[in-house]
Protein backbone atom coordinates (compact mmCIF):
# COMPACT_ATOMS: atom_id res chain seq x y z
CA MET A 1 -85.21 -97.42 3.43
CA THR A 2 -87.96 -95.68 5.40
CA THR A 3 -87.10 -94.60 8.92
CA SER A 4 -87.60 -91.80 11.40
CA THR A 5 -84.24 -92.49 13.05
CA ALA A 6 -81.99 -89.46 13.37
CA ARG A 7 -79.09 -89.82 10.94
CA ALA A 8 -76.23 -87.71 9.69
CA HIS A 9 -77.35 -86.19 6.39
CA VAL A 10 -75.12 -84.57 3.77
CA ILE A 11 -76.83 -81.20 3.36
CA GLY A 12 -74.20 -79.37 1.32
CA THR A 13 -70.99 -79.91 -0.65
CA GLY A 14 -68.30 -77.74 -2.18
CA ALA A 15 -64.99 -78.06 -4.00
CA TYR A 16 -61.99 -75.96 -4.83
CA LEU A 17 -59.38 -76.65 -7.53
CA PRO A 18 -56.29 -74.43 -7.84
CA ALA A 19 -56.19 -72.17 -10.88
CA HIS A 20 -53.06 -73.60 -12.49
CA VAL A 21 -53.66 -76.61 -14.73
CA MET A 22 -50.70 -78.85 -15.63
CA THR A 23 -51.32 -80.88 -18.78
CA ASN A 24 -49.53 -84.04 -19.86
CA HIS A 25 -47.76 -81.93 -22.45
CA ASP A 26 -46.47 -79.67 -19.67
CA LEU A 27 -45.19 -82.71 -17.78
CA SER A 28 -43.34 -83.96 -20.85
CA LYS A 29 -41.15 -80.86 -20.59
CA ILE A 30 -39.87 -81.75 -17.13
CA VAL A 31 -39.75 -85.56 -17.16
CA GLU A 32 -39.34 -88.23 -19.86
CA THR A 33 -42.98 -88.93 -20.71
CA SER A 34 -45.70 -88.08 -23.21
CA ASP A 35 -49.43 -87.47 -23.36
CA GLU A 36 -49.89 -90.88 -25.02
CA TRP A 37 -47.84 -92.69 -22.34
CA ILE A 38 -49.75 -91.09 -19.46
CA THR A 39 -53.21 -91.35 -21.01
CA THR A 40 -52.78 -95.00 -22.01
CA ARG A 41 -51.64 -96.07 -18.54
CA THR A 42 -53.74 -93.82 -16.31
CA GLY A 43 -56.50 -92.03 -18.25
CA ILE A 44 -55.24 -88.74 -16.83
CA LYS A 45 -54.98 -85.75 -19.18
CA GLU A 46 -54.36 -82.91 -16.72
CA ARG A 47 -54.24 -82.01 -13.03
CA HIS A 48 -54.50 -78.84 -10.94
CA ILE A 49 -51.40 -77.64 -9.11
CA ALA A 50 -51.55 -75.27 -6.14
CA ALA A 51 -49.47 -72.11 -6.02
CA LYS A 52 -46.41 -72.02 -3.76
CA SER A 53 -48.32 -69.68 -1.46
CA GLU A 54 -51.26 -72.10 -1.12
CA ALA A 55 -51.26 -74.68 1.66
CA ALA A 56 -53.74 -77.49 2.28
CA SER A 57 -55.73 -75.31 4.69
CA ASP A 58 -56.16 -72.62 2.01
CA LEU A 59 -57.63 -75.17 -0.40
CA ALA A 60 -59.78 -76.64 2.40
CA PHE A 61 -61.10 -73.25 3.47
CA LYS A 62 -62.25 -72.33 -0.04
CA ALA A 63 -64.03 -75.67 -0.45
CA ALA A 64 -65.58 -75.27 3.01
CA GLU A 65 -67.01 -71.85 2.17
CA LYS A 66 -68.75 -73.30 -0.88
CA ALA A 67 -70.15 -76.24 1.10
CA ILE A 68 -71.48 -73.93 3.83
CA GLU A 69 -73.16 -71.75 1.19
CA ASP A 70 -74.63 -74.82 -0.48
CA ALA A 71 -75.96 -76.10 2.87
CA GLN A 72 -77.55 -72.71 3.60
CA ILE A 73 -76.31 -72.66 7.17
CA LYS A 74 -74.38 -70.10 9.18
CA LYS A 75 -70.72 -70.66 9.94
CA THR A 76 -71.58 -70.44 13.62
CA ASP A 77 -73.75 -73.56 13.24
CA ILE A 78 -70.61 -75.66 12.77
CA GLU A 79 -69.62 -77.54 15.92
CA LEU A 80 -67.10 -79.99 14.48
CA ILE A 81 -64.44 -79.67 11.77
CA ILE A 82 -62.54 -82.73 10.52
CA VAL A 83 -59.93 -82.45 7.79
CA ALA A 84 -58.65 -85.56 6.03
CA THR A 85 -55.21 -84.91 4.59
CA ALA A 86 -51.85 -86.54 3.96
CA THR A 87 -50.29 -83.14 3.23
CA PRO A 88 -51.00 -80.98 6.29
CA ASP A 89 -49.82 -77.39 6.50
CA MET A 90 -47.37 -78.54 9.20
CA PHE A 91 -46.98 -81.36 11.74
CA PHE A 92 -48.98 -79.30 14.23
CA PRO A 93 -51.31 -77.51 14.77
CA SER A 94 -53.76 -79.54 12.72
CA THR A 95 -54.88 -78.31 9.32
CA ALA A 96 -58.42 -78.35 10.72
CA CYS A 97 -57.41 -75.73 13.28
CA PHE A 98 -56.15 -73.47 10.50
CA VAL A 99 -59.46 -73.93 8.68
CA GLN A 100 -61.32 -73.14 11.90
CA LYS A 101 -59.31 -69.94 12.25
CA LYS A 102 -60.03 -68.89 8.67
CA LEU A 103 -63.76 -69.58 9.13
CA GLY A 104 -63.86 -67.70 12.43
CA VAL A 105 -65.79 -70.38 14.36
CA ALA A 106 -63.94 -70.31 17.66
CA HIS A 107 -66.28 -72.74 19.44
CA ALA A 108 -65.84 -75.70 17.04
CA VAL A 109 -63.87 -78.86 17.84
CA SER A 110 -61.25 -79.36 15.13
CA PHE A 111 -58.83 -82.15 14.25
CA ASP A 112 -57.24 -84.00 11.33
CA VAL A 113 -57.60 -87.59 10.12
CA SER A 114 -54.76 -89.37 8.27
CA ALA A 115 -55.81 -92.31 6.09
CA ALA A 116 -54.31 -91.24 2.76
CA CYS A 117 -56.71 -91.66 -0.17
CA SER A 118 -59.35 -93.21 2.12
CA GLY A 119 -59.13 -90.20 4.40
CA PHE A 120 -62.39 -88.53 3.49
CA LEU A 121 -64.36 -91.72 4.18
CA TYR A 122 -62.60 -92.16 7.53
CA ALA A 123 -63.41 -88.54 8.41
CA LEU A 124 -66.99 -88.95 7.21
CA GLU A 125 -67.51 -91.99 9.44
CA THR A 126 -65.96 -90.21 12.42
CA ALA A 127 -68.30 -87.25 11.96
CA ARG A 128 -71.30 -89.53 11.39
CA ALA A 129 -70.66 -91.40 14.63
CA LEU A 130 -70.26 -88.20 16.65
CA ILE A 131 -73.41 -86.71 15.15
CA GLU A 132 -75.59 -89.78 15.53
CA SER A 133 -74.41 -90.26 19.11
CA GLY A 134 -75.94 -86.85 19.87
CA ILE A 135 -72.67 -85.11 20.76
CA TYR A 136 -72.80 -82.71 17.81
CA LYS A 137 -75.51 -81.64 15.40
CA THR A 138 -73.58 -80.04 12.53
CA ALA A 139 -70.15 -80.95 11.20
CA LEU A 140 -67.86 -79.86 8.39
CA VAL A 141 -65.88 -82.72 6.81
CA ILE A 142 -63.10 -81.86 4.36
CA GLY A 143 -60.65 -83.74 2.15
CA ALA A 144 -57.75 -81.50 1.14
CA GLU A 145 -54.42 -82.26 -0.48
CA LYS A 146 -51.41 -80.45 -1.86
CA LEU A 147 -49.74 -83.55 -3.26
CA SER A 148 -47.51 -81.46 -5.50
CA SER A 149 -45.55 -80.64 -2.33
CA ILE A 150 -44.52 -84.29 -1.84
CA THR A 151 -44.21 -85.36 -5.49
CA ASP A 152 -40.86 -86.38 -6.95
CA TRP A 153 -41.03 -84.59 -10.29
CA THR A 154 -38.17 -86.72 -11.66
CA ASP A 155 -40.08 -89.99 -11.14
CA ARG A 156 -42.40 -90.43 -14.11
CA ALA A 157 -44.06 -93.47 -12.53
CA THR A 158 -45.60 -91.29 -9.79
CA CYS A 159 -45.42 -87.62 -10.76
CA VAL A 160 -47.96 -88.07 -13.57
CA LEU A 161 -50.61 -89.37 -11.18
CA PHE A 162 -51.24 -86.66 -8.62
CA GLY A 163 -53.03 -83.34 -8.38
CA ASP A 164 -54.07 -80.78 -5.77
CA GLY A 165 -57.55 -79.87 -4.60
CA ALA A 166 -60.11 -79.92 -1.82
CA GLY A 167 -63.71 -80.91 -1.28
CA ALA A 168 -66.02 -80.40 1.68
CA ALA A 169 -69.34 -81.68 2.98
CA VAL A 170 -71.65 -80.33 5.66
CA LEU A 171 -73.28 -83.03 7.77
CA GLN A 172 -76.27 -82.44 10.01
CA ARG A 173 -78.38 -84.65 12.27
CA ARG A 174 -81.90 -84.94 10.88
CA THR A 175 -84.80 -87.36 11.09
CA GLY A 176 -86.64 -88.87 8.14
CA VAL A 177 -85.67 -90.82 5.06
CA GLY A 178 -82.09 -90.84 3.85
CA GLY A 179 -78.76 -89.72 5.24
CA ILE A 180 -75.63 -91.82 5.57
CA LEU A 181 -77.17 -95.29 5.43
CA SER A 182 -74.00 -97.27 6.07
CA THR A 183 -70.23 -97.19 6.11
CA TYR A 184 -67.47 -99.79 5.91
CA LEU A 185 -63.84 -99.14 6.84
CA ARG A 186 -60.87 -101.50 6.90
CA SER A 187 -57.07 -101.43 7.07
CA ASP A 188 -54.27 -103.94 6.52
CA ALA A 189 -50.88 -102.95 7.92
CA THR A 190 -49.01 -105.81 6.24
CA HIS A 191 -48.64 -103.64 3.12
CA THR A 192 -47.32 -100.40 4.62
CA ASP A 193 -44.33 -100.43 2.28
CA ILE A 194 -46.07 -100.45 -1.12
CA LEU A 195 -47.49 -96.93 -0.90
CA CYS A 196 -45.83 -94.47 1.45
CA VAL A 197 -43.85 -91.29 2.04
CA PRO A 198 -40.79 -92.70 3.83
CA GLY A 199 -39.00 -89.41 4.55
CA GLY A 200 -39.72 -86.40 6.71
CA GLY A 201 -41.16 -88.13 9.77
CA SER A 202 -39.62 -89.17 13.08
CA ARG A 203 -38.05 -92.33 11.61
CA THR A 204 -36.02 -90.44 8.99
CA PRO A 205 -36.19 -86.74 9.91
CA GLY A 206 -34.69 -84.33 7.43
CA SER A 207 -34.90 -86.74 4.49
CA PRO A 208 -36.96 -85.82 1.41
CA ALA A 209 -40.70 -86.40 1.83
CA THR A 210 -41.78 -87.84 -1.51
CA ILE A 211 -44.22 -90.53 -2.57
CA HIS A 212 -43.04 -94.11 -3.11
CA MET A 213 -45.37 -96.61 -4.79
CA ASP A 214 -45.34 -100.19 -6.03
CA GLY A 215 -47.84 -99.55 -8.82
CA LYS A 216 -48.60 -103.16 -9.80
CA GLU A 217 -49.29 -104.31 -6.26
CA VAL A 218 -51.36 -101.22 -5.48
CA PHE A 219 -53.46 -101.79 -8.62
CA LYS A 220 -54.23 -105.40 -7.71
CA LEU A 221 -55.15 -104.67 -4.10
CA ALA A 222 -57.09 -101.48 -4.90
CA VAL A 223 -59.49 -103.28 -7.24
CA HIS A 224 -60.06 -106.18 -4.85
CA LYS A 225 -60.51 -104.06 -1.71
CA MET A 226 -62.79 -101.42 -3.25
CA ILE A 227 -65.10 -104.12 -4.60
CA GLU A 228 -65.14 -105.70 -1.14
CA ALA A 229 -65.98 -102.34 0.44
CA SER A 230 -68.71 -101.60 -2.09
CA LYS A 231 -70.46 -104.91 -1.54
CA GLU A 232 -70.23 -104.85 2.25
CA ALA A 233 -71.45 -101.25 2.60
CA LEU A 234 -74.41 -101.97 0.32
CA LYS A 235 -75.24 -105.07 2.34
CA ARG A 236 -75.18 -103.07 5.58
CA ALA A 237 -77.48 -100.48 4.01
CA GLY A 238 -79.92 -103.13 2.79
CA LYS A 239 -79.24 -102.10 -0.80
CA LYS A 240 -78.07 -103.75 -4.02
CA ASP A 241 -75.88 -102.54 -6.87
CA SER A 242 -79.03 -101.89 -8.89
CA ASP A 243 -80.28 -99.45 -6.23
CA LEU A 244 -77.40 -97.07 -6.86
CA ALA A 245 -78.00 -93.93 -8.87
CA LEU A 246 -74.24 -93.44 -8.93
CA LEU A 247 -71.06 -95.23 -7.83
CA ILE A 248 -68.21 -92.82 -7.13
CA PRO A 249 -64.90 -94.71 -6.93
CA HIS A 250 -61.60 -93.19 -5.86
CA GLN A 251 -60.15 -91.52 -8.94
CA ALA A 252 -56.62 -92.92 -8.88
CA ASN A 253 -56.36 -94.48 -12.31
CA LEU A 254 -58.87 -95.09 -15.10
CA ARG A 255 -57.75 -98.71 -15.40
CA ILE A 256 -58.64 -99.32 -11.74
CA ILE A 257 -62.04 -97.69 -12.20
CA GLU A 258 -62.73 -99.76 -15.32
CA ALA A 259 -61.67 -102.97 -13.57
CA ILE A 260 -64.11 -102.24 -10.74
CA ALA A 261 -66.90 -101.37 -13.18
CA GLU A 262 -66.46 -104.74 -14.90
CA ARG A 263 -66.95 -106.58 -11.62
CA VAL A 264 -70.01 -104.80 -10.20
CA ASP A 265 -73.58 -104.95 -11.44
CA ILE A 266 -73.82 -101.27 -12.39
CA PRO A 267 -74.05 -99.81 -15.92
CA ARG A 268 -70.97 -97.84 -16.91
CA GLU A 269 -73.00 -94.64 -17.20
CA ARG A 270 -73.67 -94.86 -13.44
CA VAL A 271 -69.97 -95.07 -12.55
CA PHE A 272 -68.64 -91.53 -12.09
CA VAL A 273 -65.30 -90.65 -13.69
CA ASN A 274 -63.38 -87.37 -13.56
CA VAL A 275 -59.81 -88.68 -13.19
CA GLN A 276 -58.95 -87.30 -16.63
CA LYS A 277 -59.33 -83.73 -15.33
CA TYR A 278 -57.82 -83.90 -11.85
CA GLY A 279 -55.67 -87.00 -11.43
CA ASN A 280 -55.44 -88.55 -7.99
CA MET A 281 -56.14 -85.96 -5.28
CA SER A 282 -55.94 -88.52 -2.47
CA ALA A 283 -58.35 -87.60 0.36
CA ALA A 284 -59.98 -84.89 -1.76
CA THR A 285 -60.92 -87.18 -4.63
CA THR A 286 -64.26 -88.74 -3.66
CA ILE A 287 -65.76 -85.57 -2.17
CA VAL A 288 -64.70 -83.44 -5.15
CA ALA A 289 -66.32 -86.05 -7.40
CA LEU A 290 -69.51 -86.07 -5.33
CA ASP A 291 -69.76 -82.30 -5.47
CA GLU A 292 -69.18 -82.30 -9.23
CA ALA A 293 -71.78 -85.02 -9.74
CA ARG A 294 -74.35 -83.04 -7.74
CA ARG A 295 -73.68 -79.87 -9.73
CA GLU A 296 -74.00 -81.79 -13.00
CA GLY A 297 -77.45 -82.97 -11.90
CA ARG A 298 -76.39 -86.59 -11.63
CA VAL A 299 -77.45 -86.79 -7.97
CA ARG A 300 -81.02 -85.81 -7.11
CA LYS A 301 -83.22 -85.95 -4.03
CA GLY A 302 -83.92 -89.55 -3.08
CA ASP A 303 -80.92 -90.94 -4.98
CA VAL A 304 -78.64 -93.49 -3.36
CA VAL A 305 -74.94 -92.91 -4.00
CA GLU A 306 -71.93 -94.93 -2.90
CA LEU A 307 -68.40 -93.62 -2.39
CA ILE A 308 -65.51 -96.11 -2.34
CA ALA A 309 -61.81 -95.49 -1.79
CA PHE A 310 -58.47 -97.18 -1.25
CA GLY A 311 -55.24 -95.75 0.07
CA ALA A 312 -51.95 -96.19 1.86
CA GLY A 313 -51.91 -98.07 5.10
CA LEU A 314 -53.43 -100.01 3.50
CA THR A 315 -56.81 -98.45 4.11
CA TRP A 316 -60.08 -98.80 2.24
CA GLY A 317 -63.76 -98.12 2.74
CA ALA A 318 -67.17 -97.17 1.43
CA ALA A 319 -70.15 -95.04 2.36
CA VAL A 320 -73.73 -95.37 1.12
CA ILE A 321 -75.61 -92.07 1.19
CA GLN A 322 -79.20 -91.25 0.31
CA PHE A 323 -79.92 -87.65 -0.58
């Protein structure tokens, strides 16, 4: 696509993973499971777990610093901070405000977005719209999760899936080729019960806030909806599967990723996978994967990359980005 239209461009990325790594063997000591059981069903081998003293904003801040350094901008250039998270530091203030405080950018507008595993894409689209409307020039978009804080460690069906981490992207309005070429977001509230954290909110205050999931139903819908999102976002961008240098799906489960790969016209080597190292980091997953892909040299100038995700709500979406 050749255009001189001002678009939101991703000019820097960064990621932070907590130091502690919990392997499948470690999990087998606290719940009835095994490395073979987890690997066969999910493809996950290990996940990073934040320290008790680390909150979502701490993870987000460290990822943000790396993204700002990568973008080669000053912190004072940031006018907008959006954090996508399902595990905020507290109900309020927003996690984004805590990140703003840590960065020391008092003038920025800061708020959170809640769309579970699709959160980063929802935040990305929000920032893109505000940038391309001319309201802001430079934004910091973060996906950060401390899912270990809402995991039921006695439920082997869910506790093996999740990890902690954060990823960040700096967006800036620029003219010329590339940028965020298209986005596609959707939600379906008829399935709010199959993936949720029922406790802790205003409906059941004081009850335990832990993840509940109907795994089979989530699997079926995740594959269908992410393929839908991928195709529609590519269509809006005027691109085809074959134009993609890399497809970065939400890293929830290797079986889901493989099912998507079988149904799209993209060679397996161009479908990014890192679920084995990190598990499902919800809103942090796609941006951590994008940052890792860039640092591995799998995304170069001119490349077209697509991010796709699916989460509770139900929510799903995609973004096509040219670097």
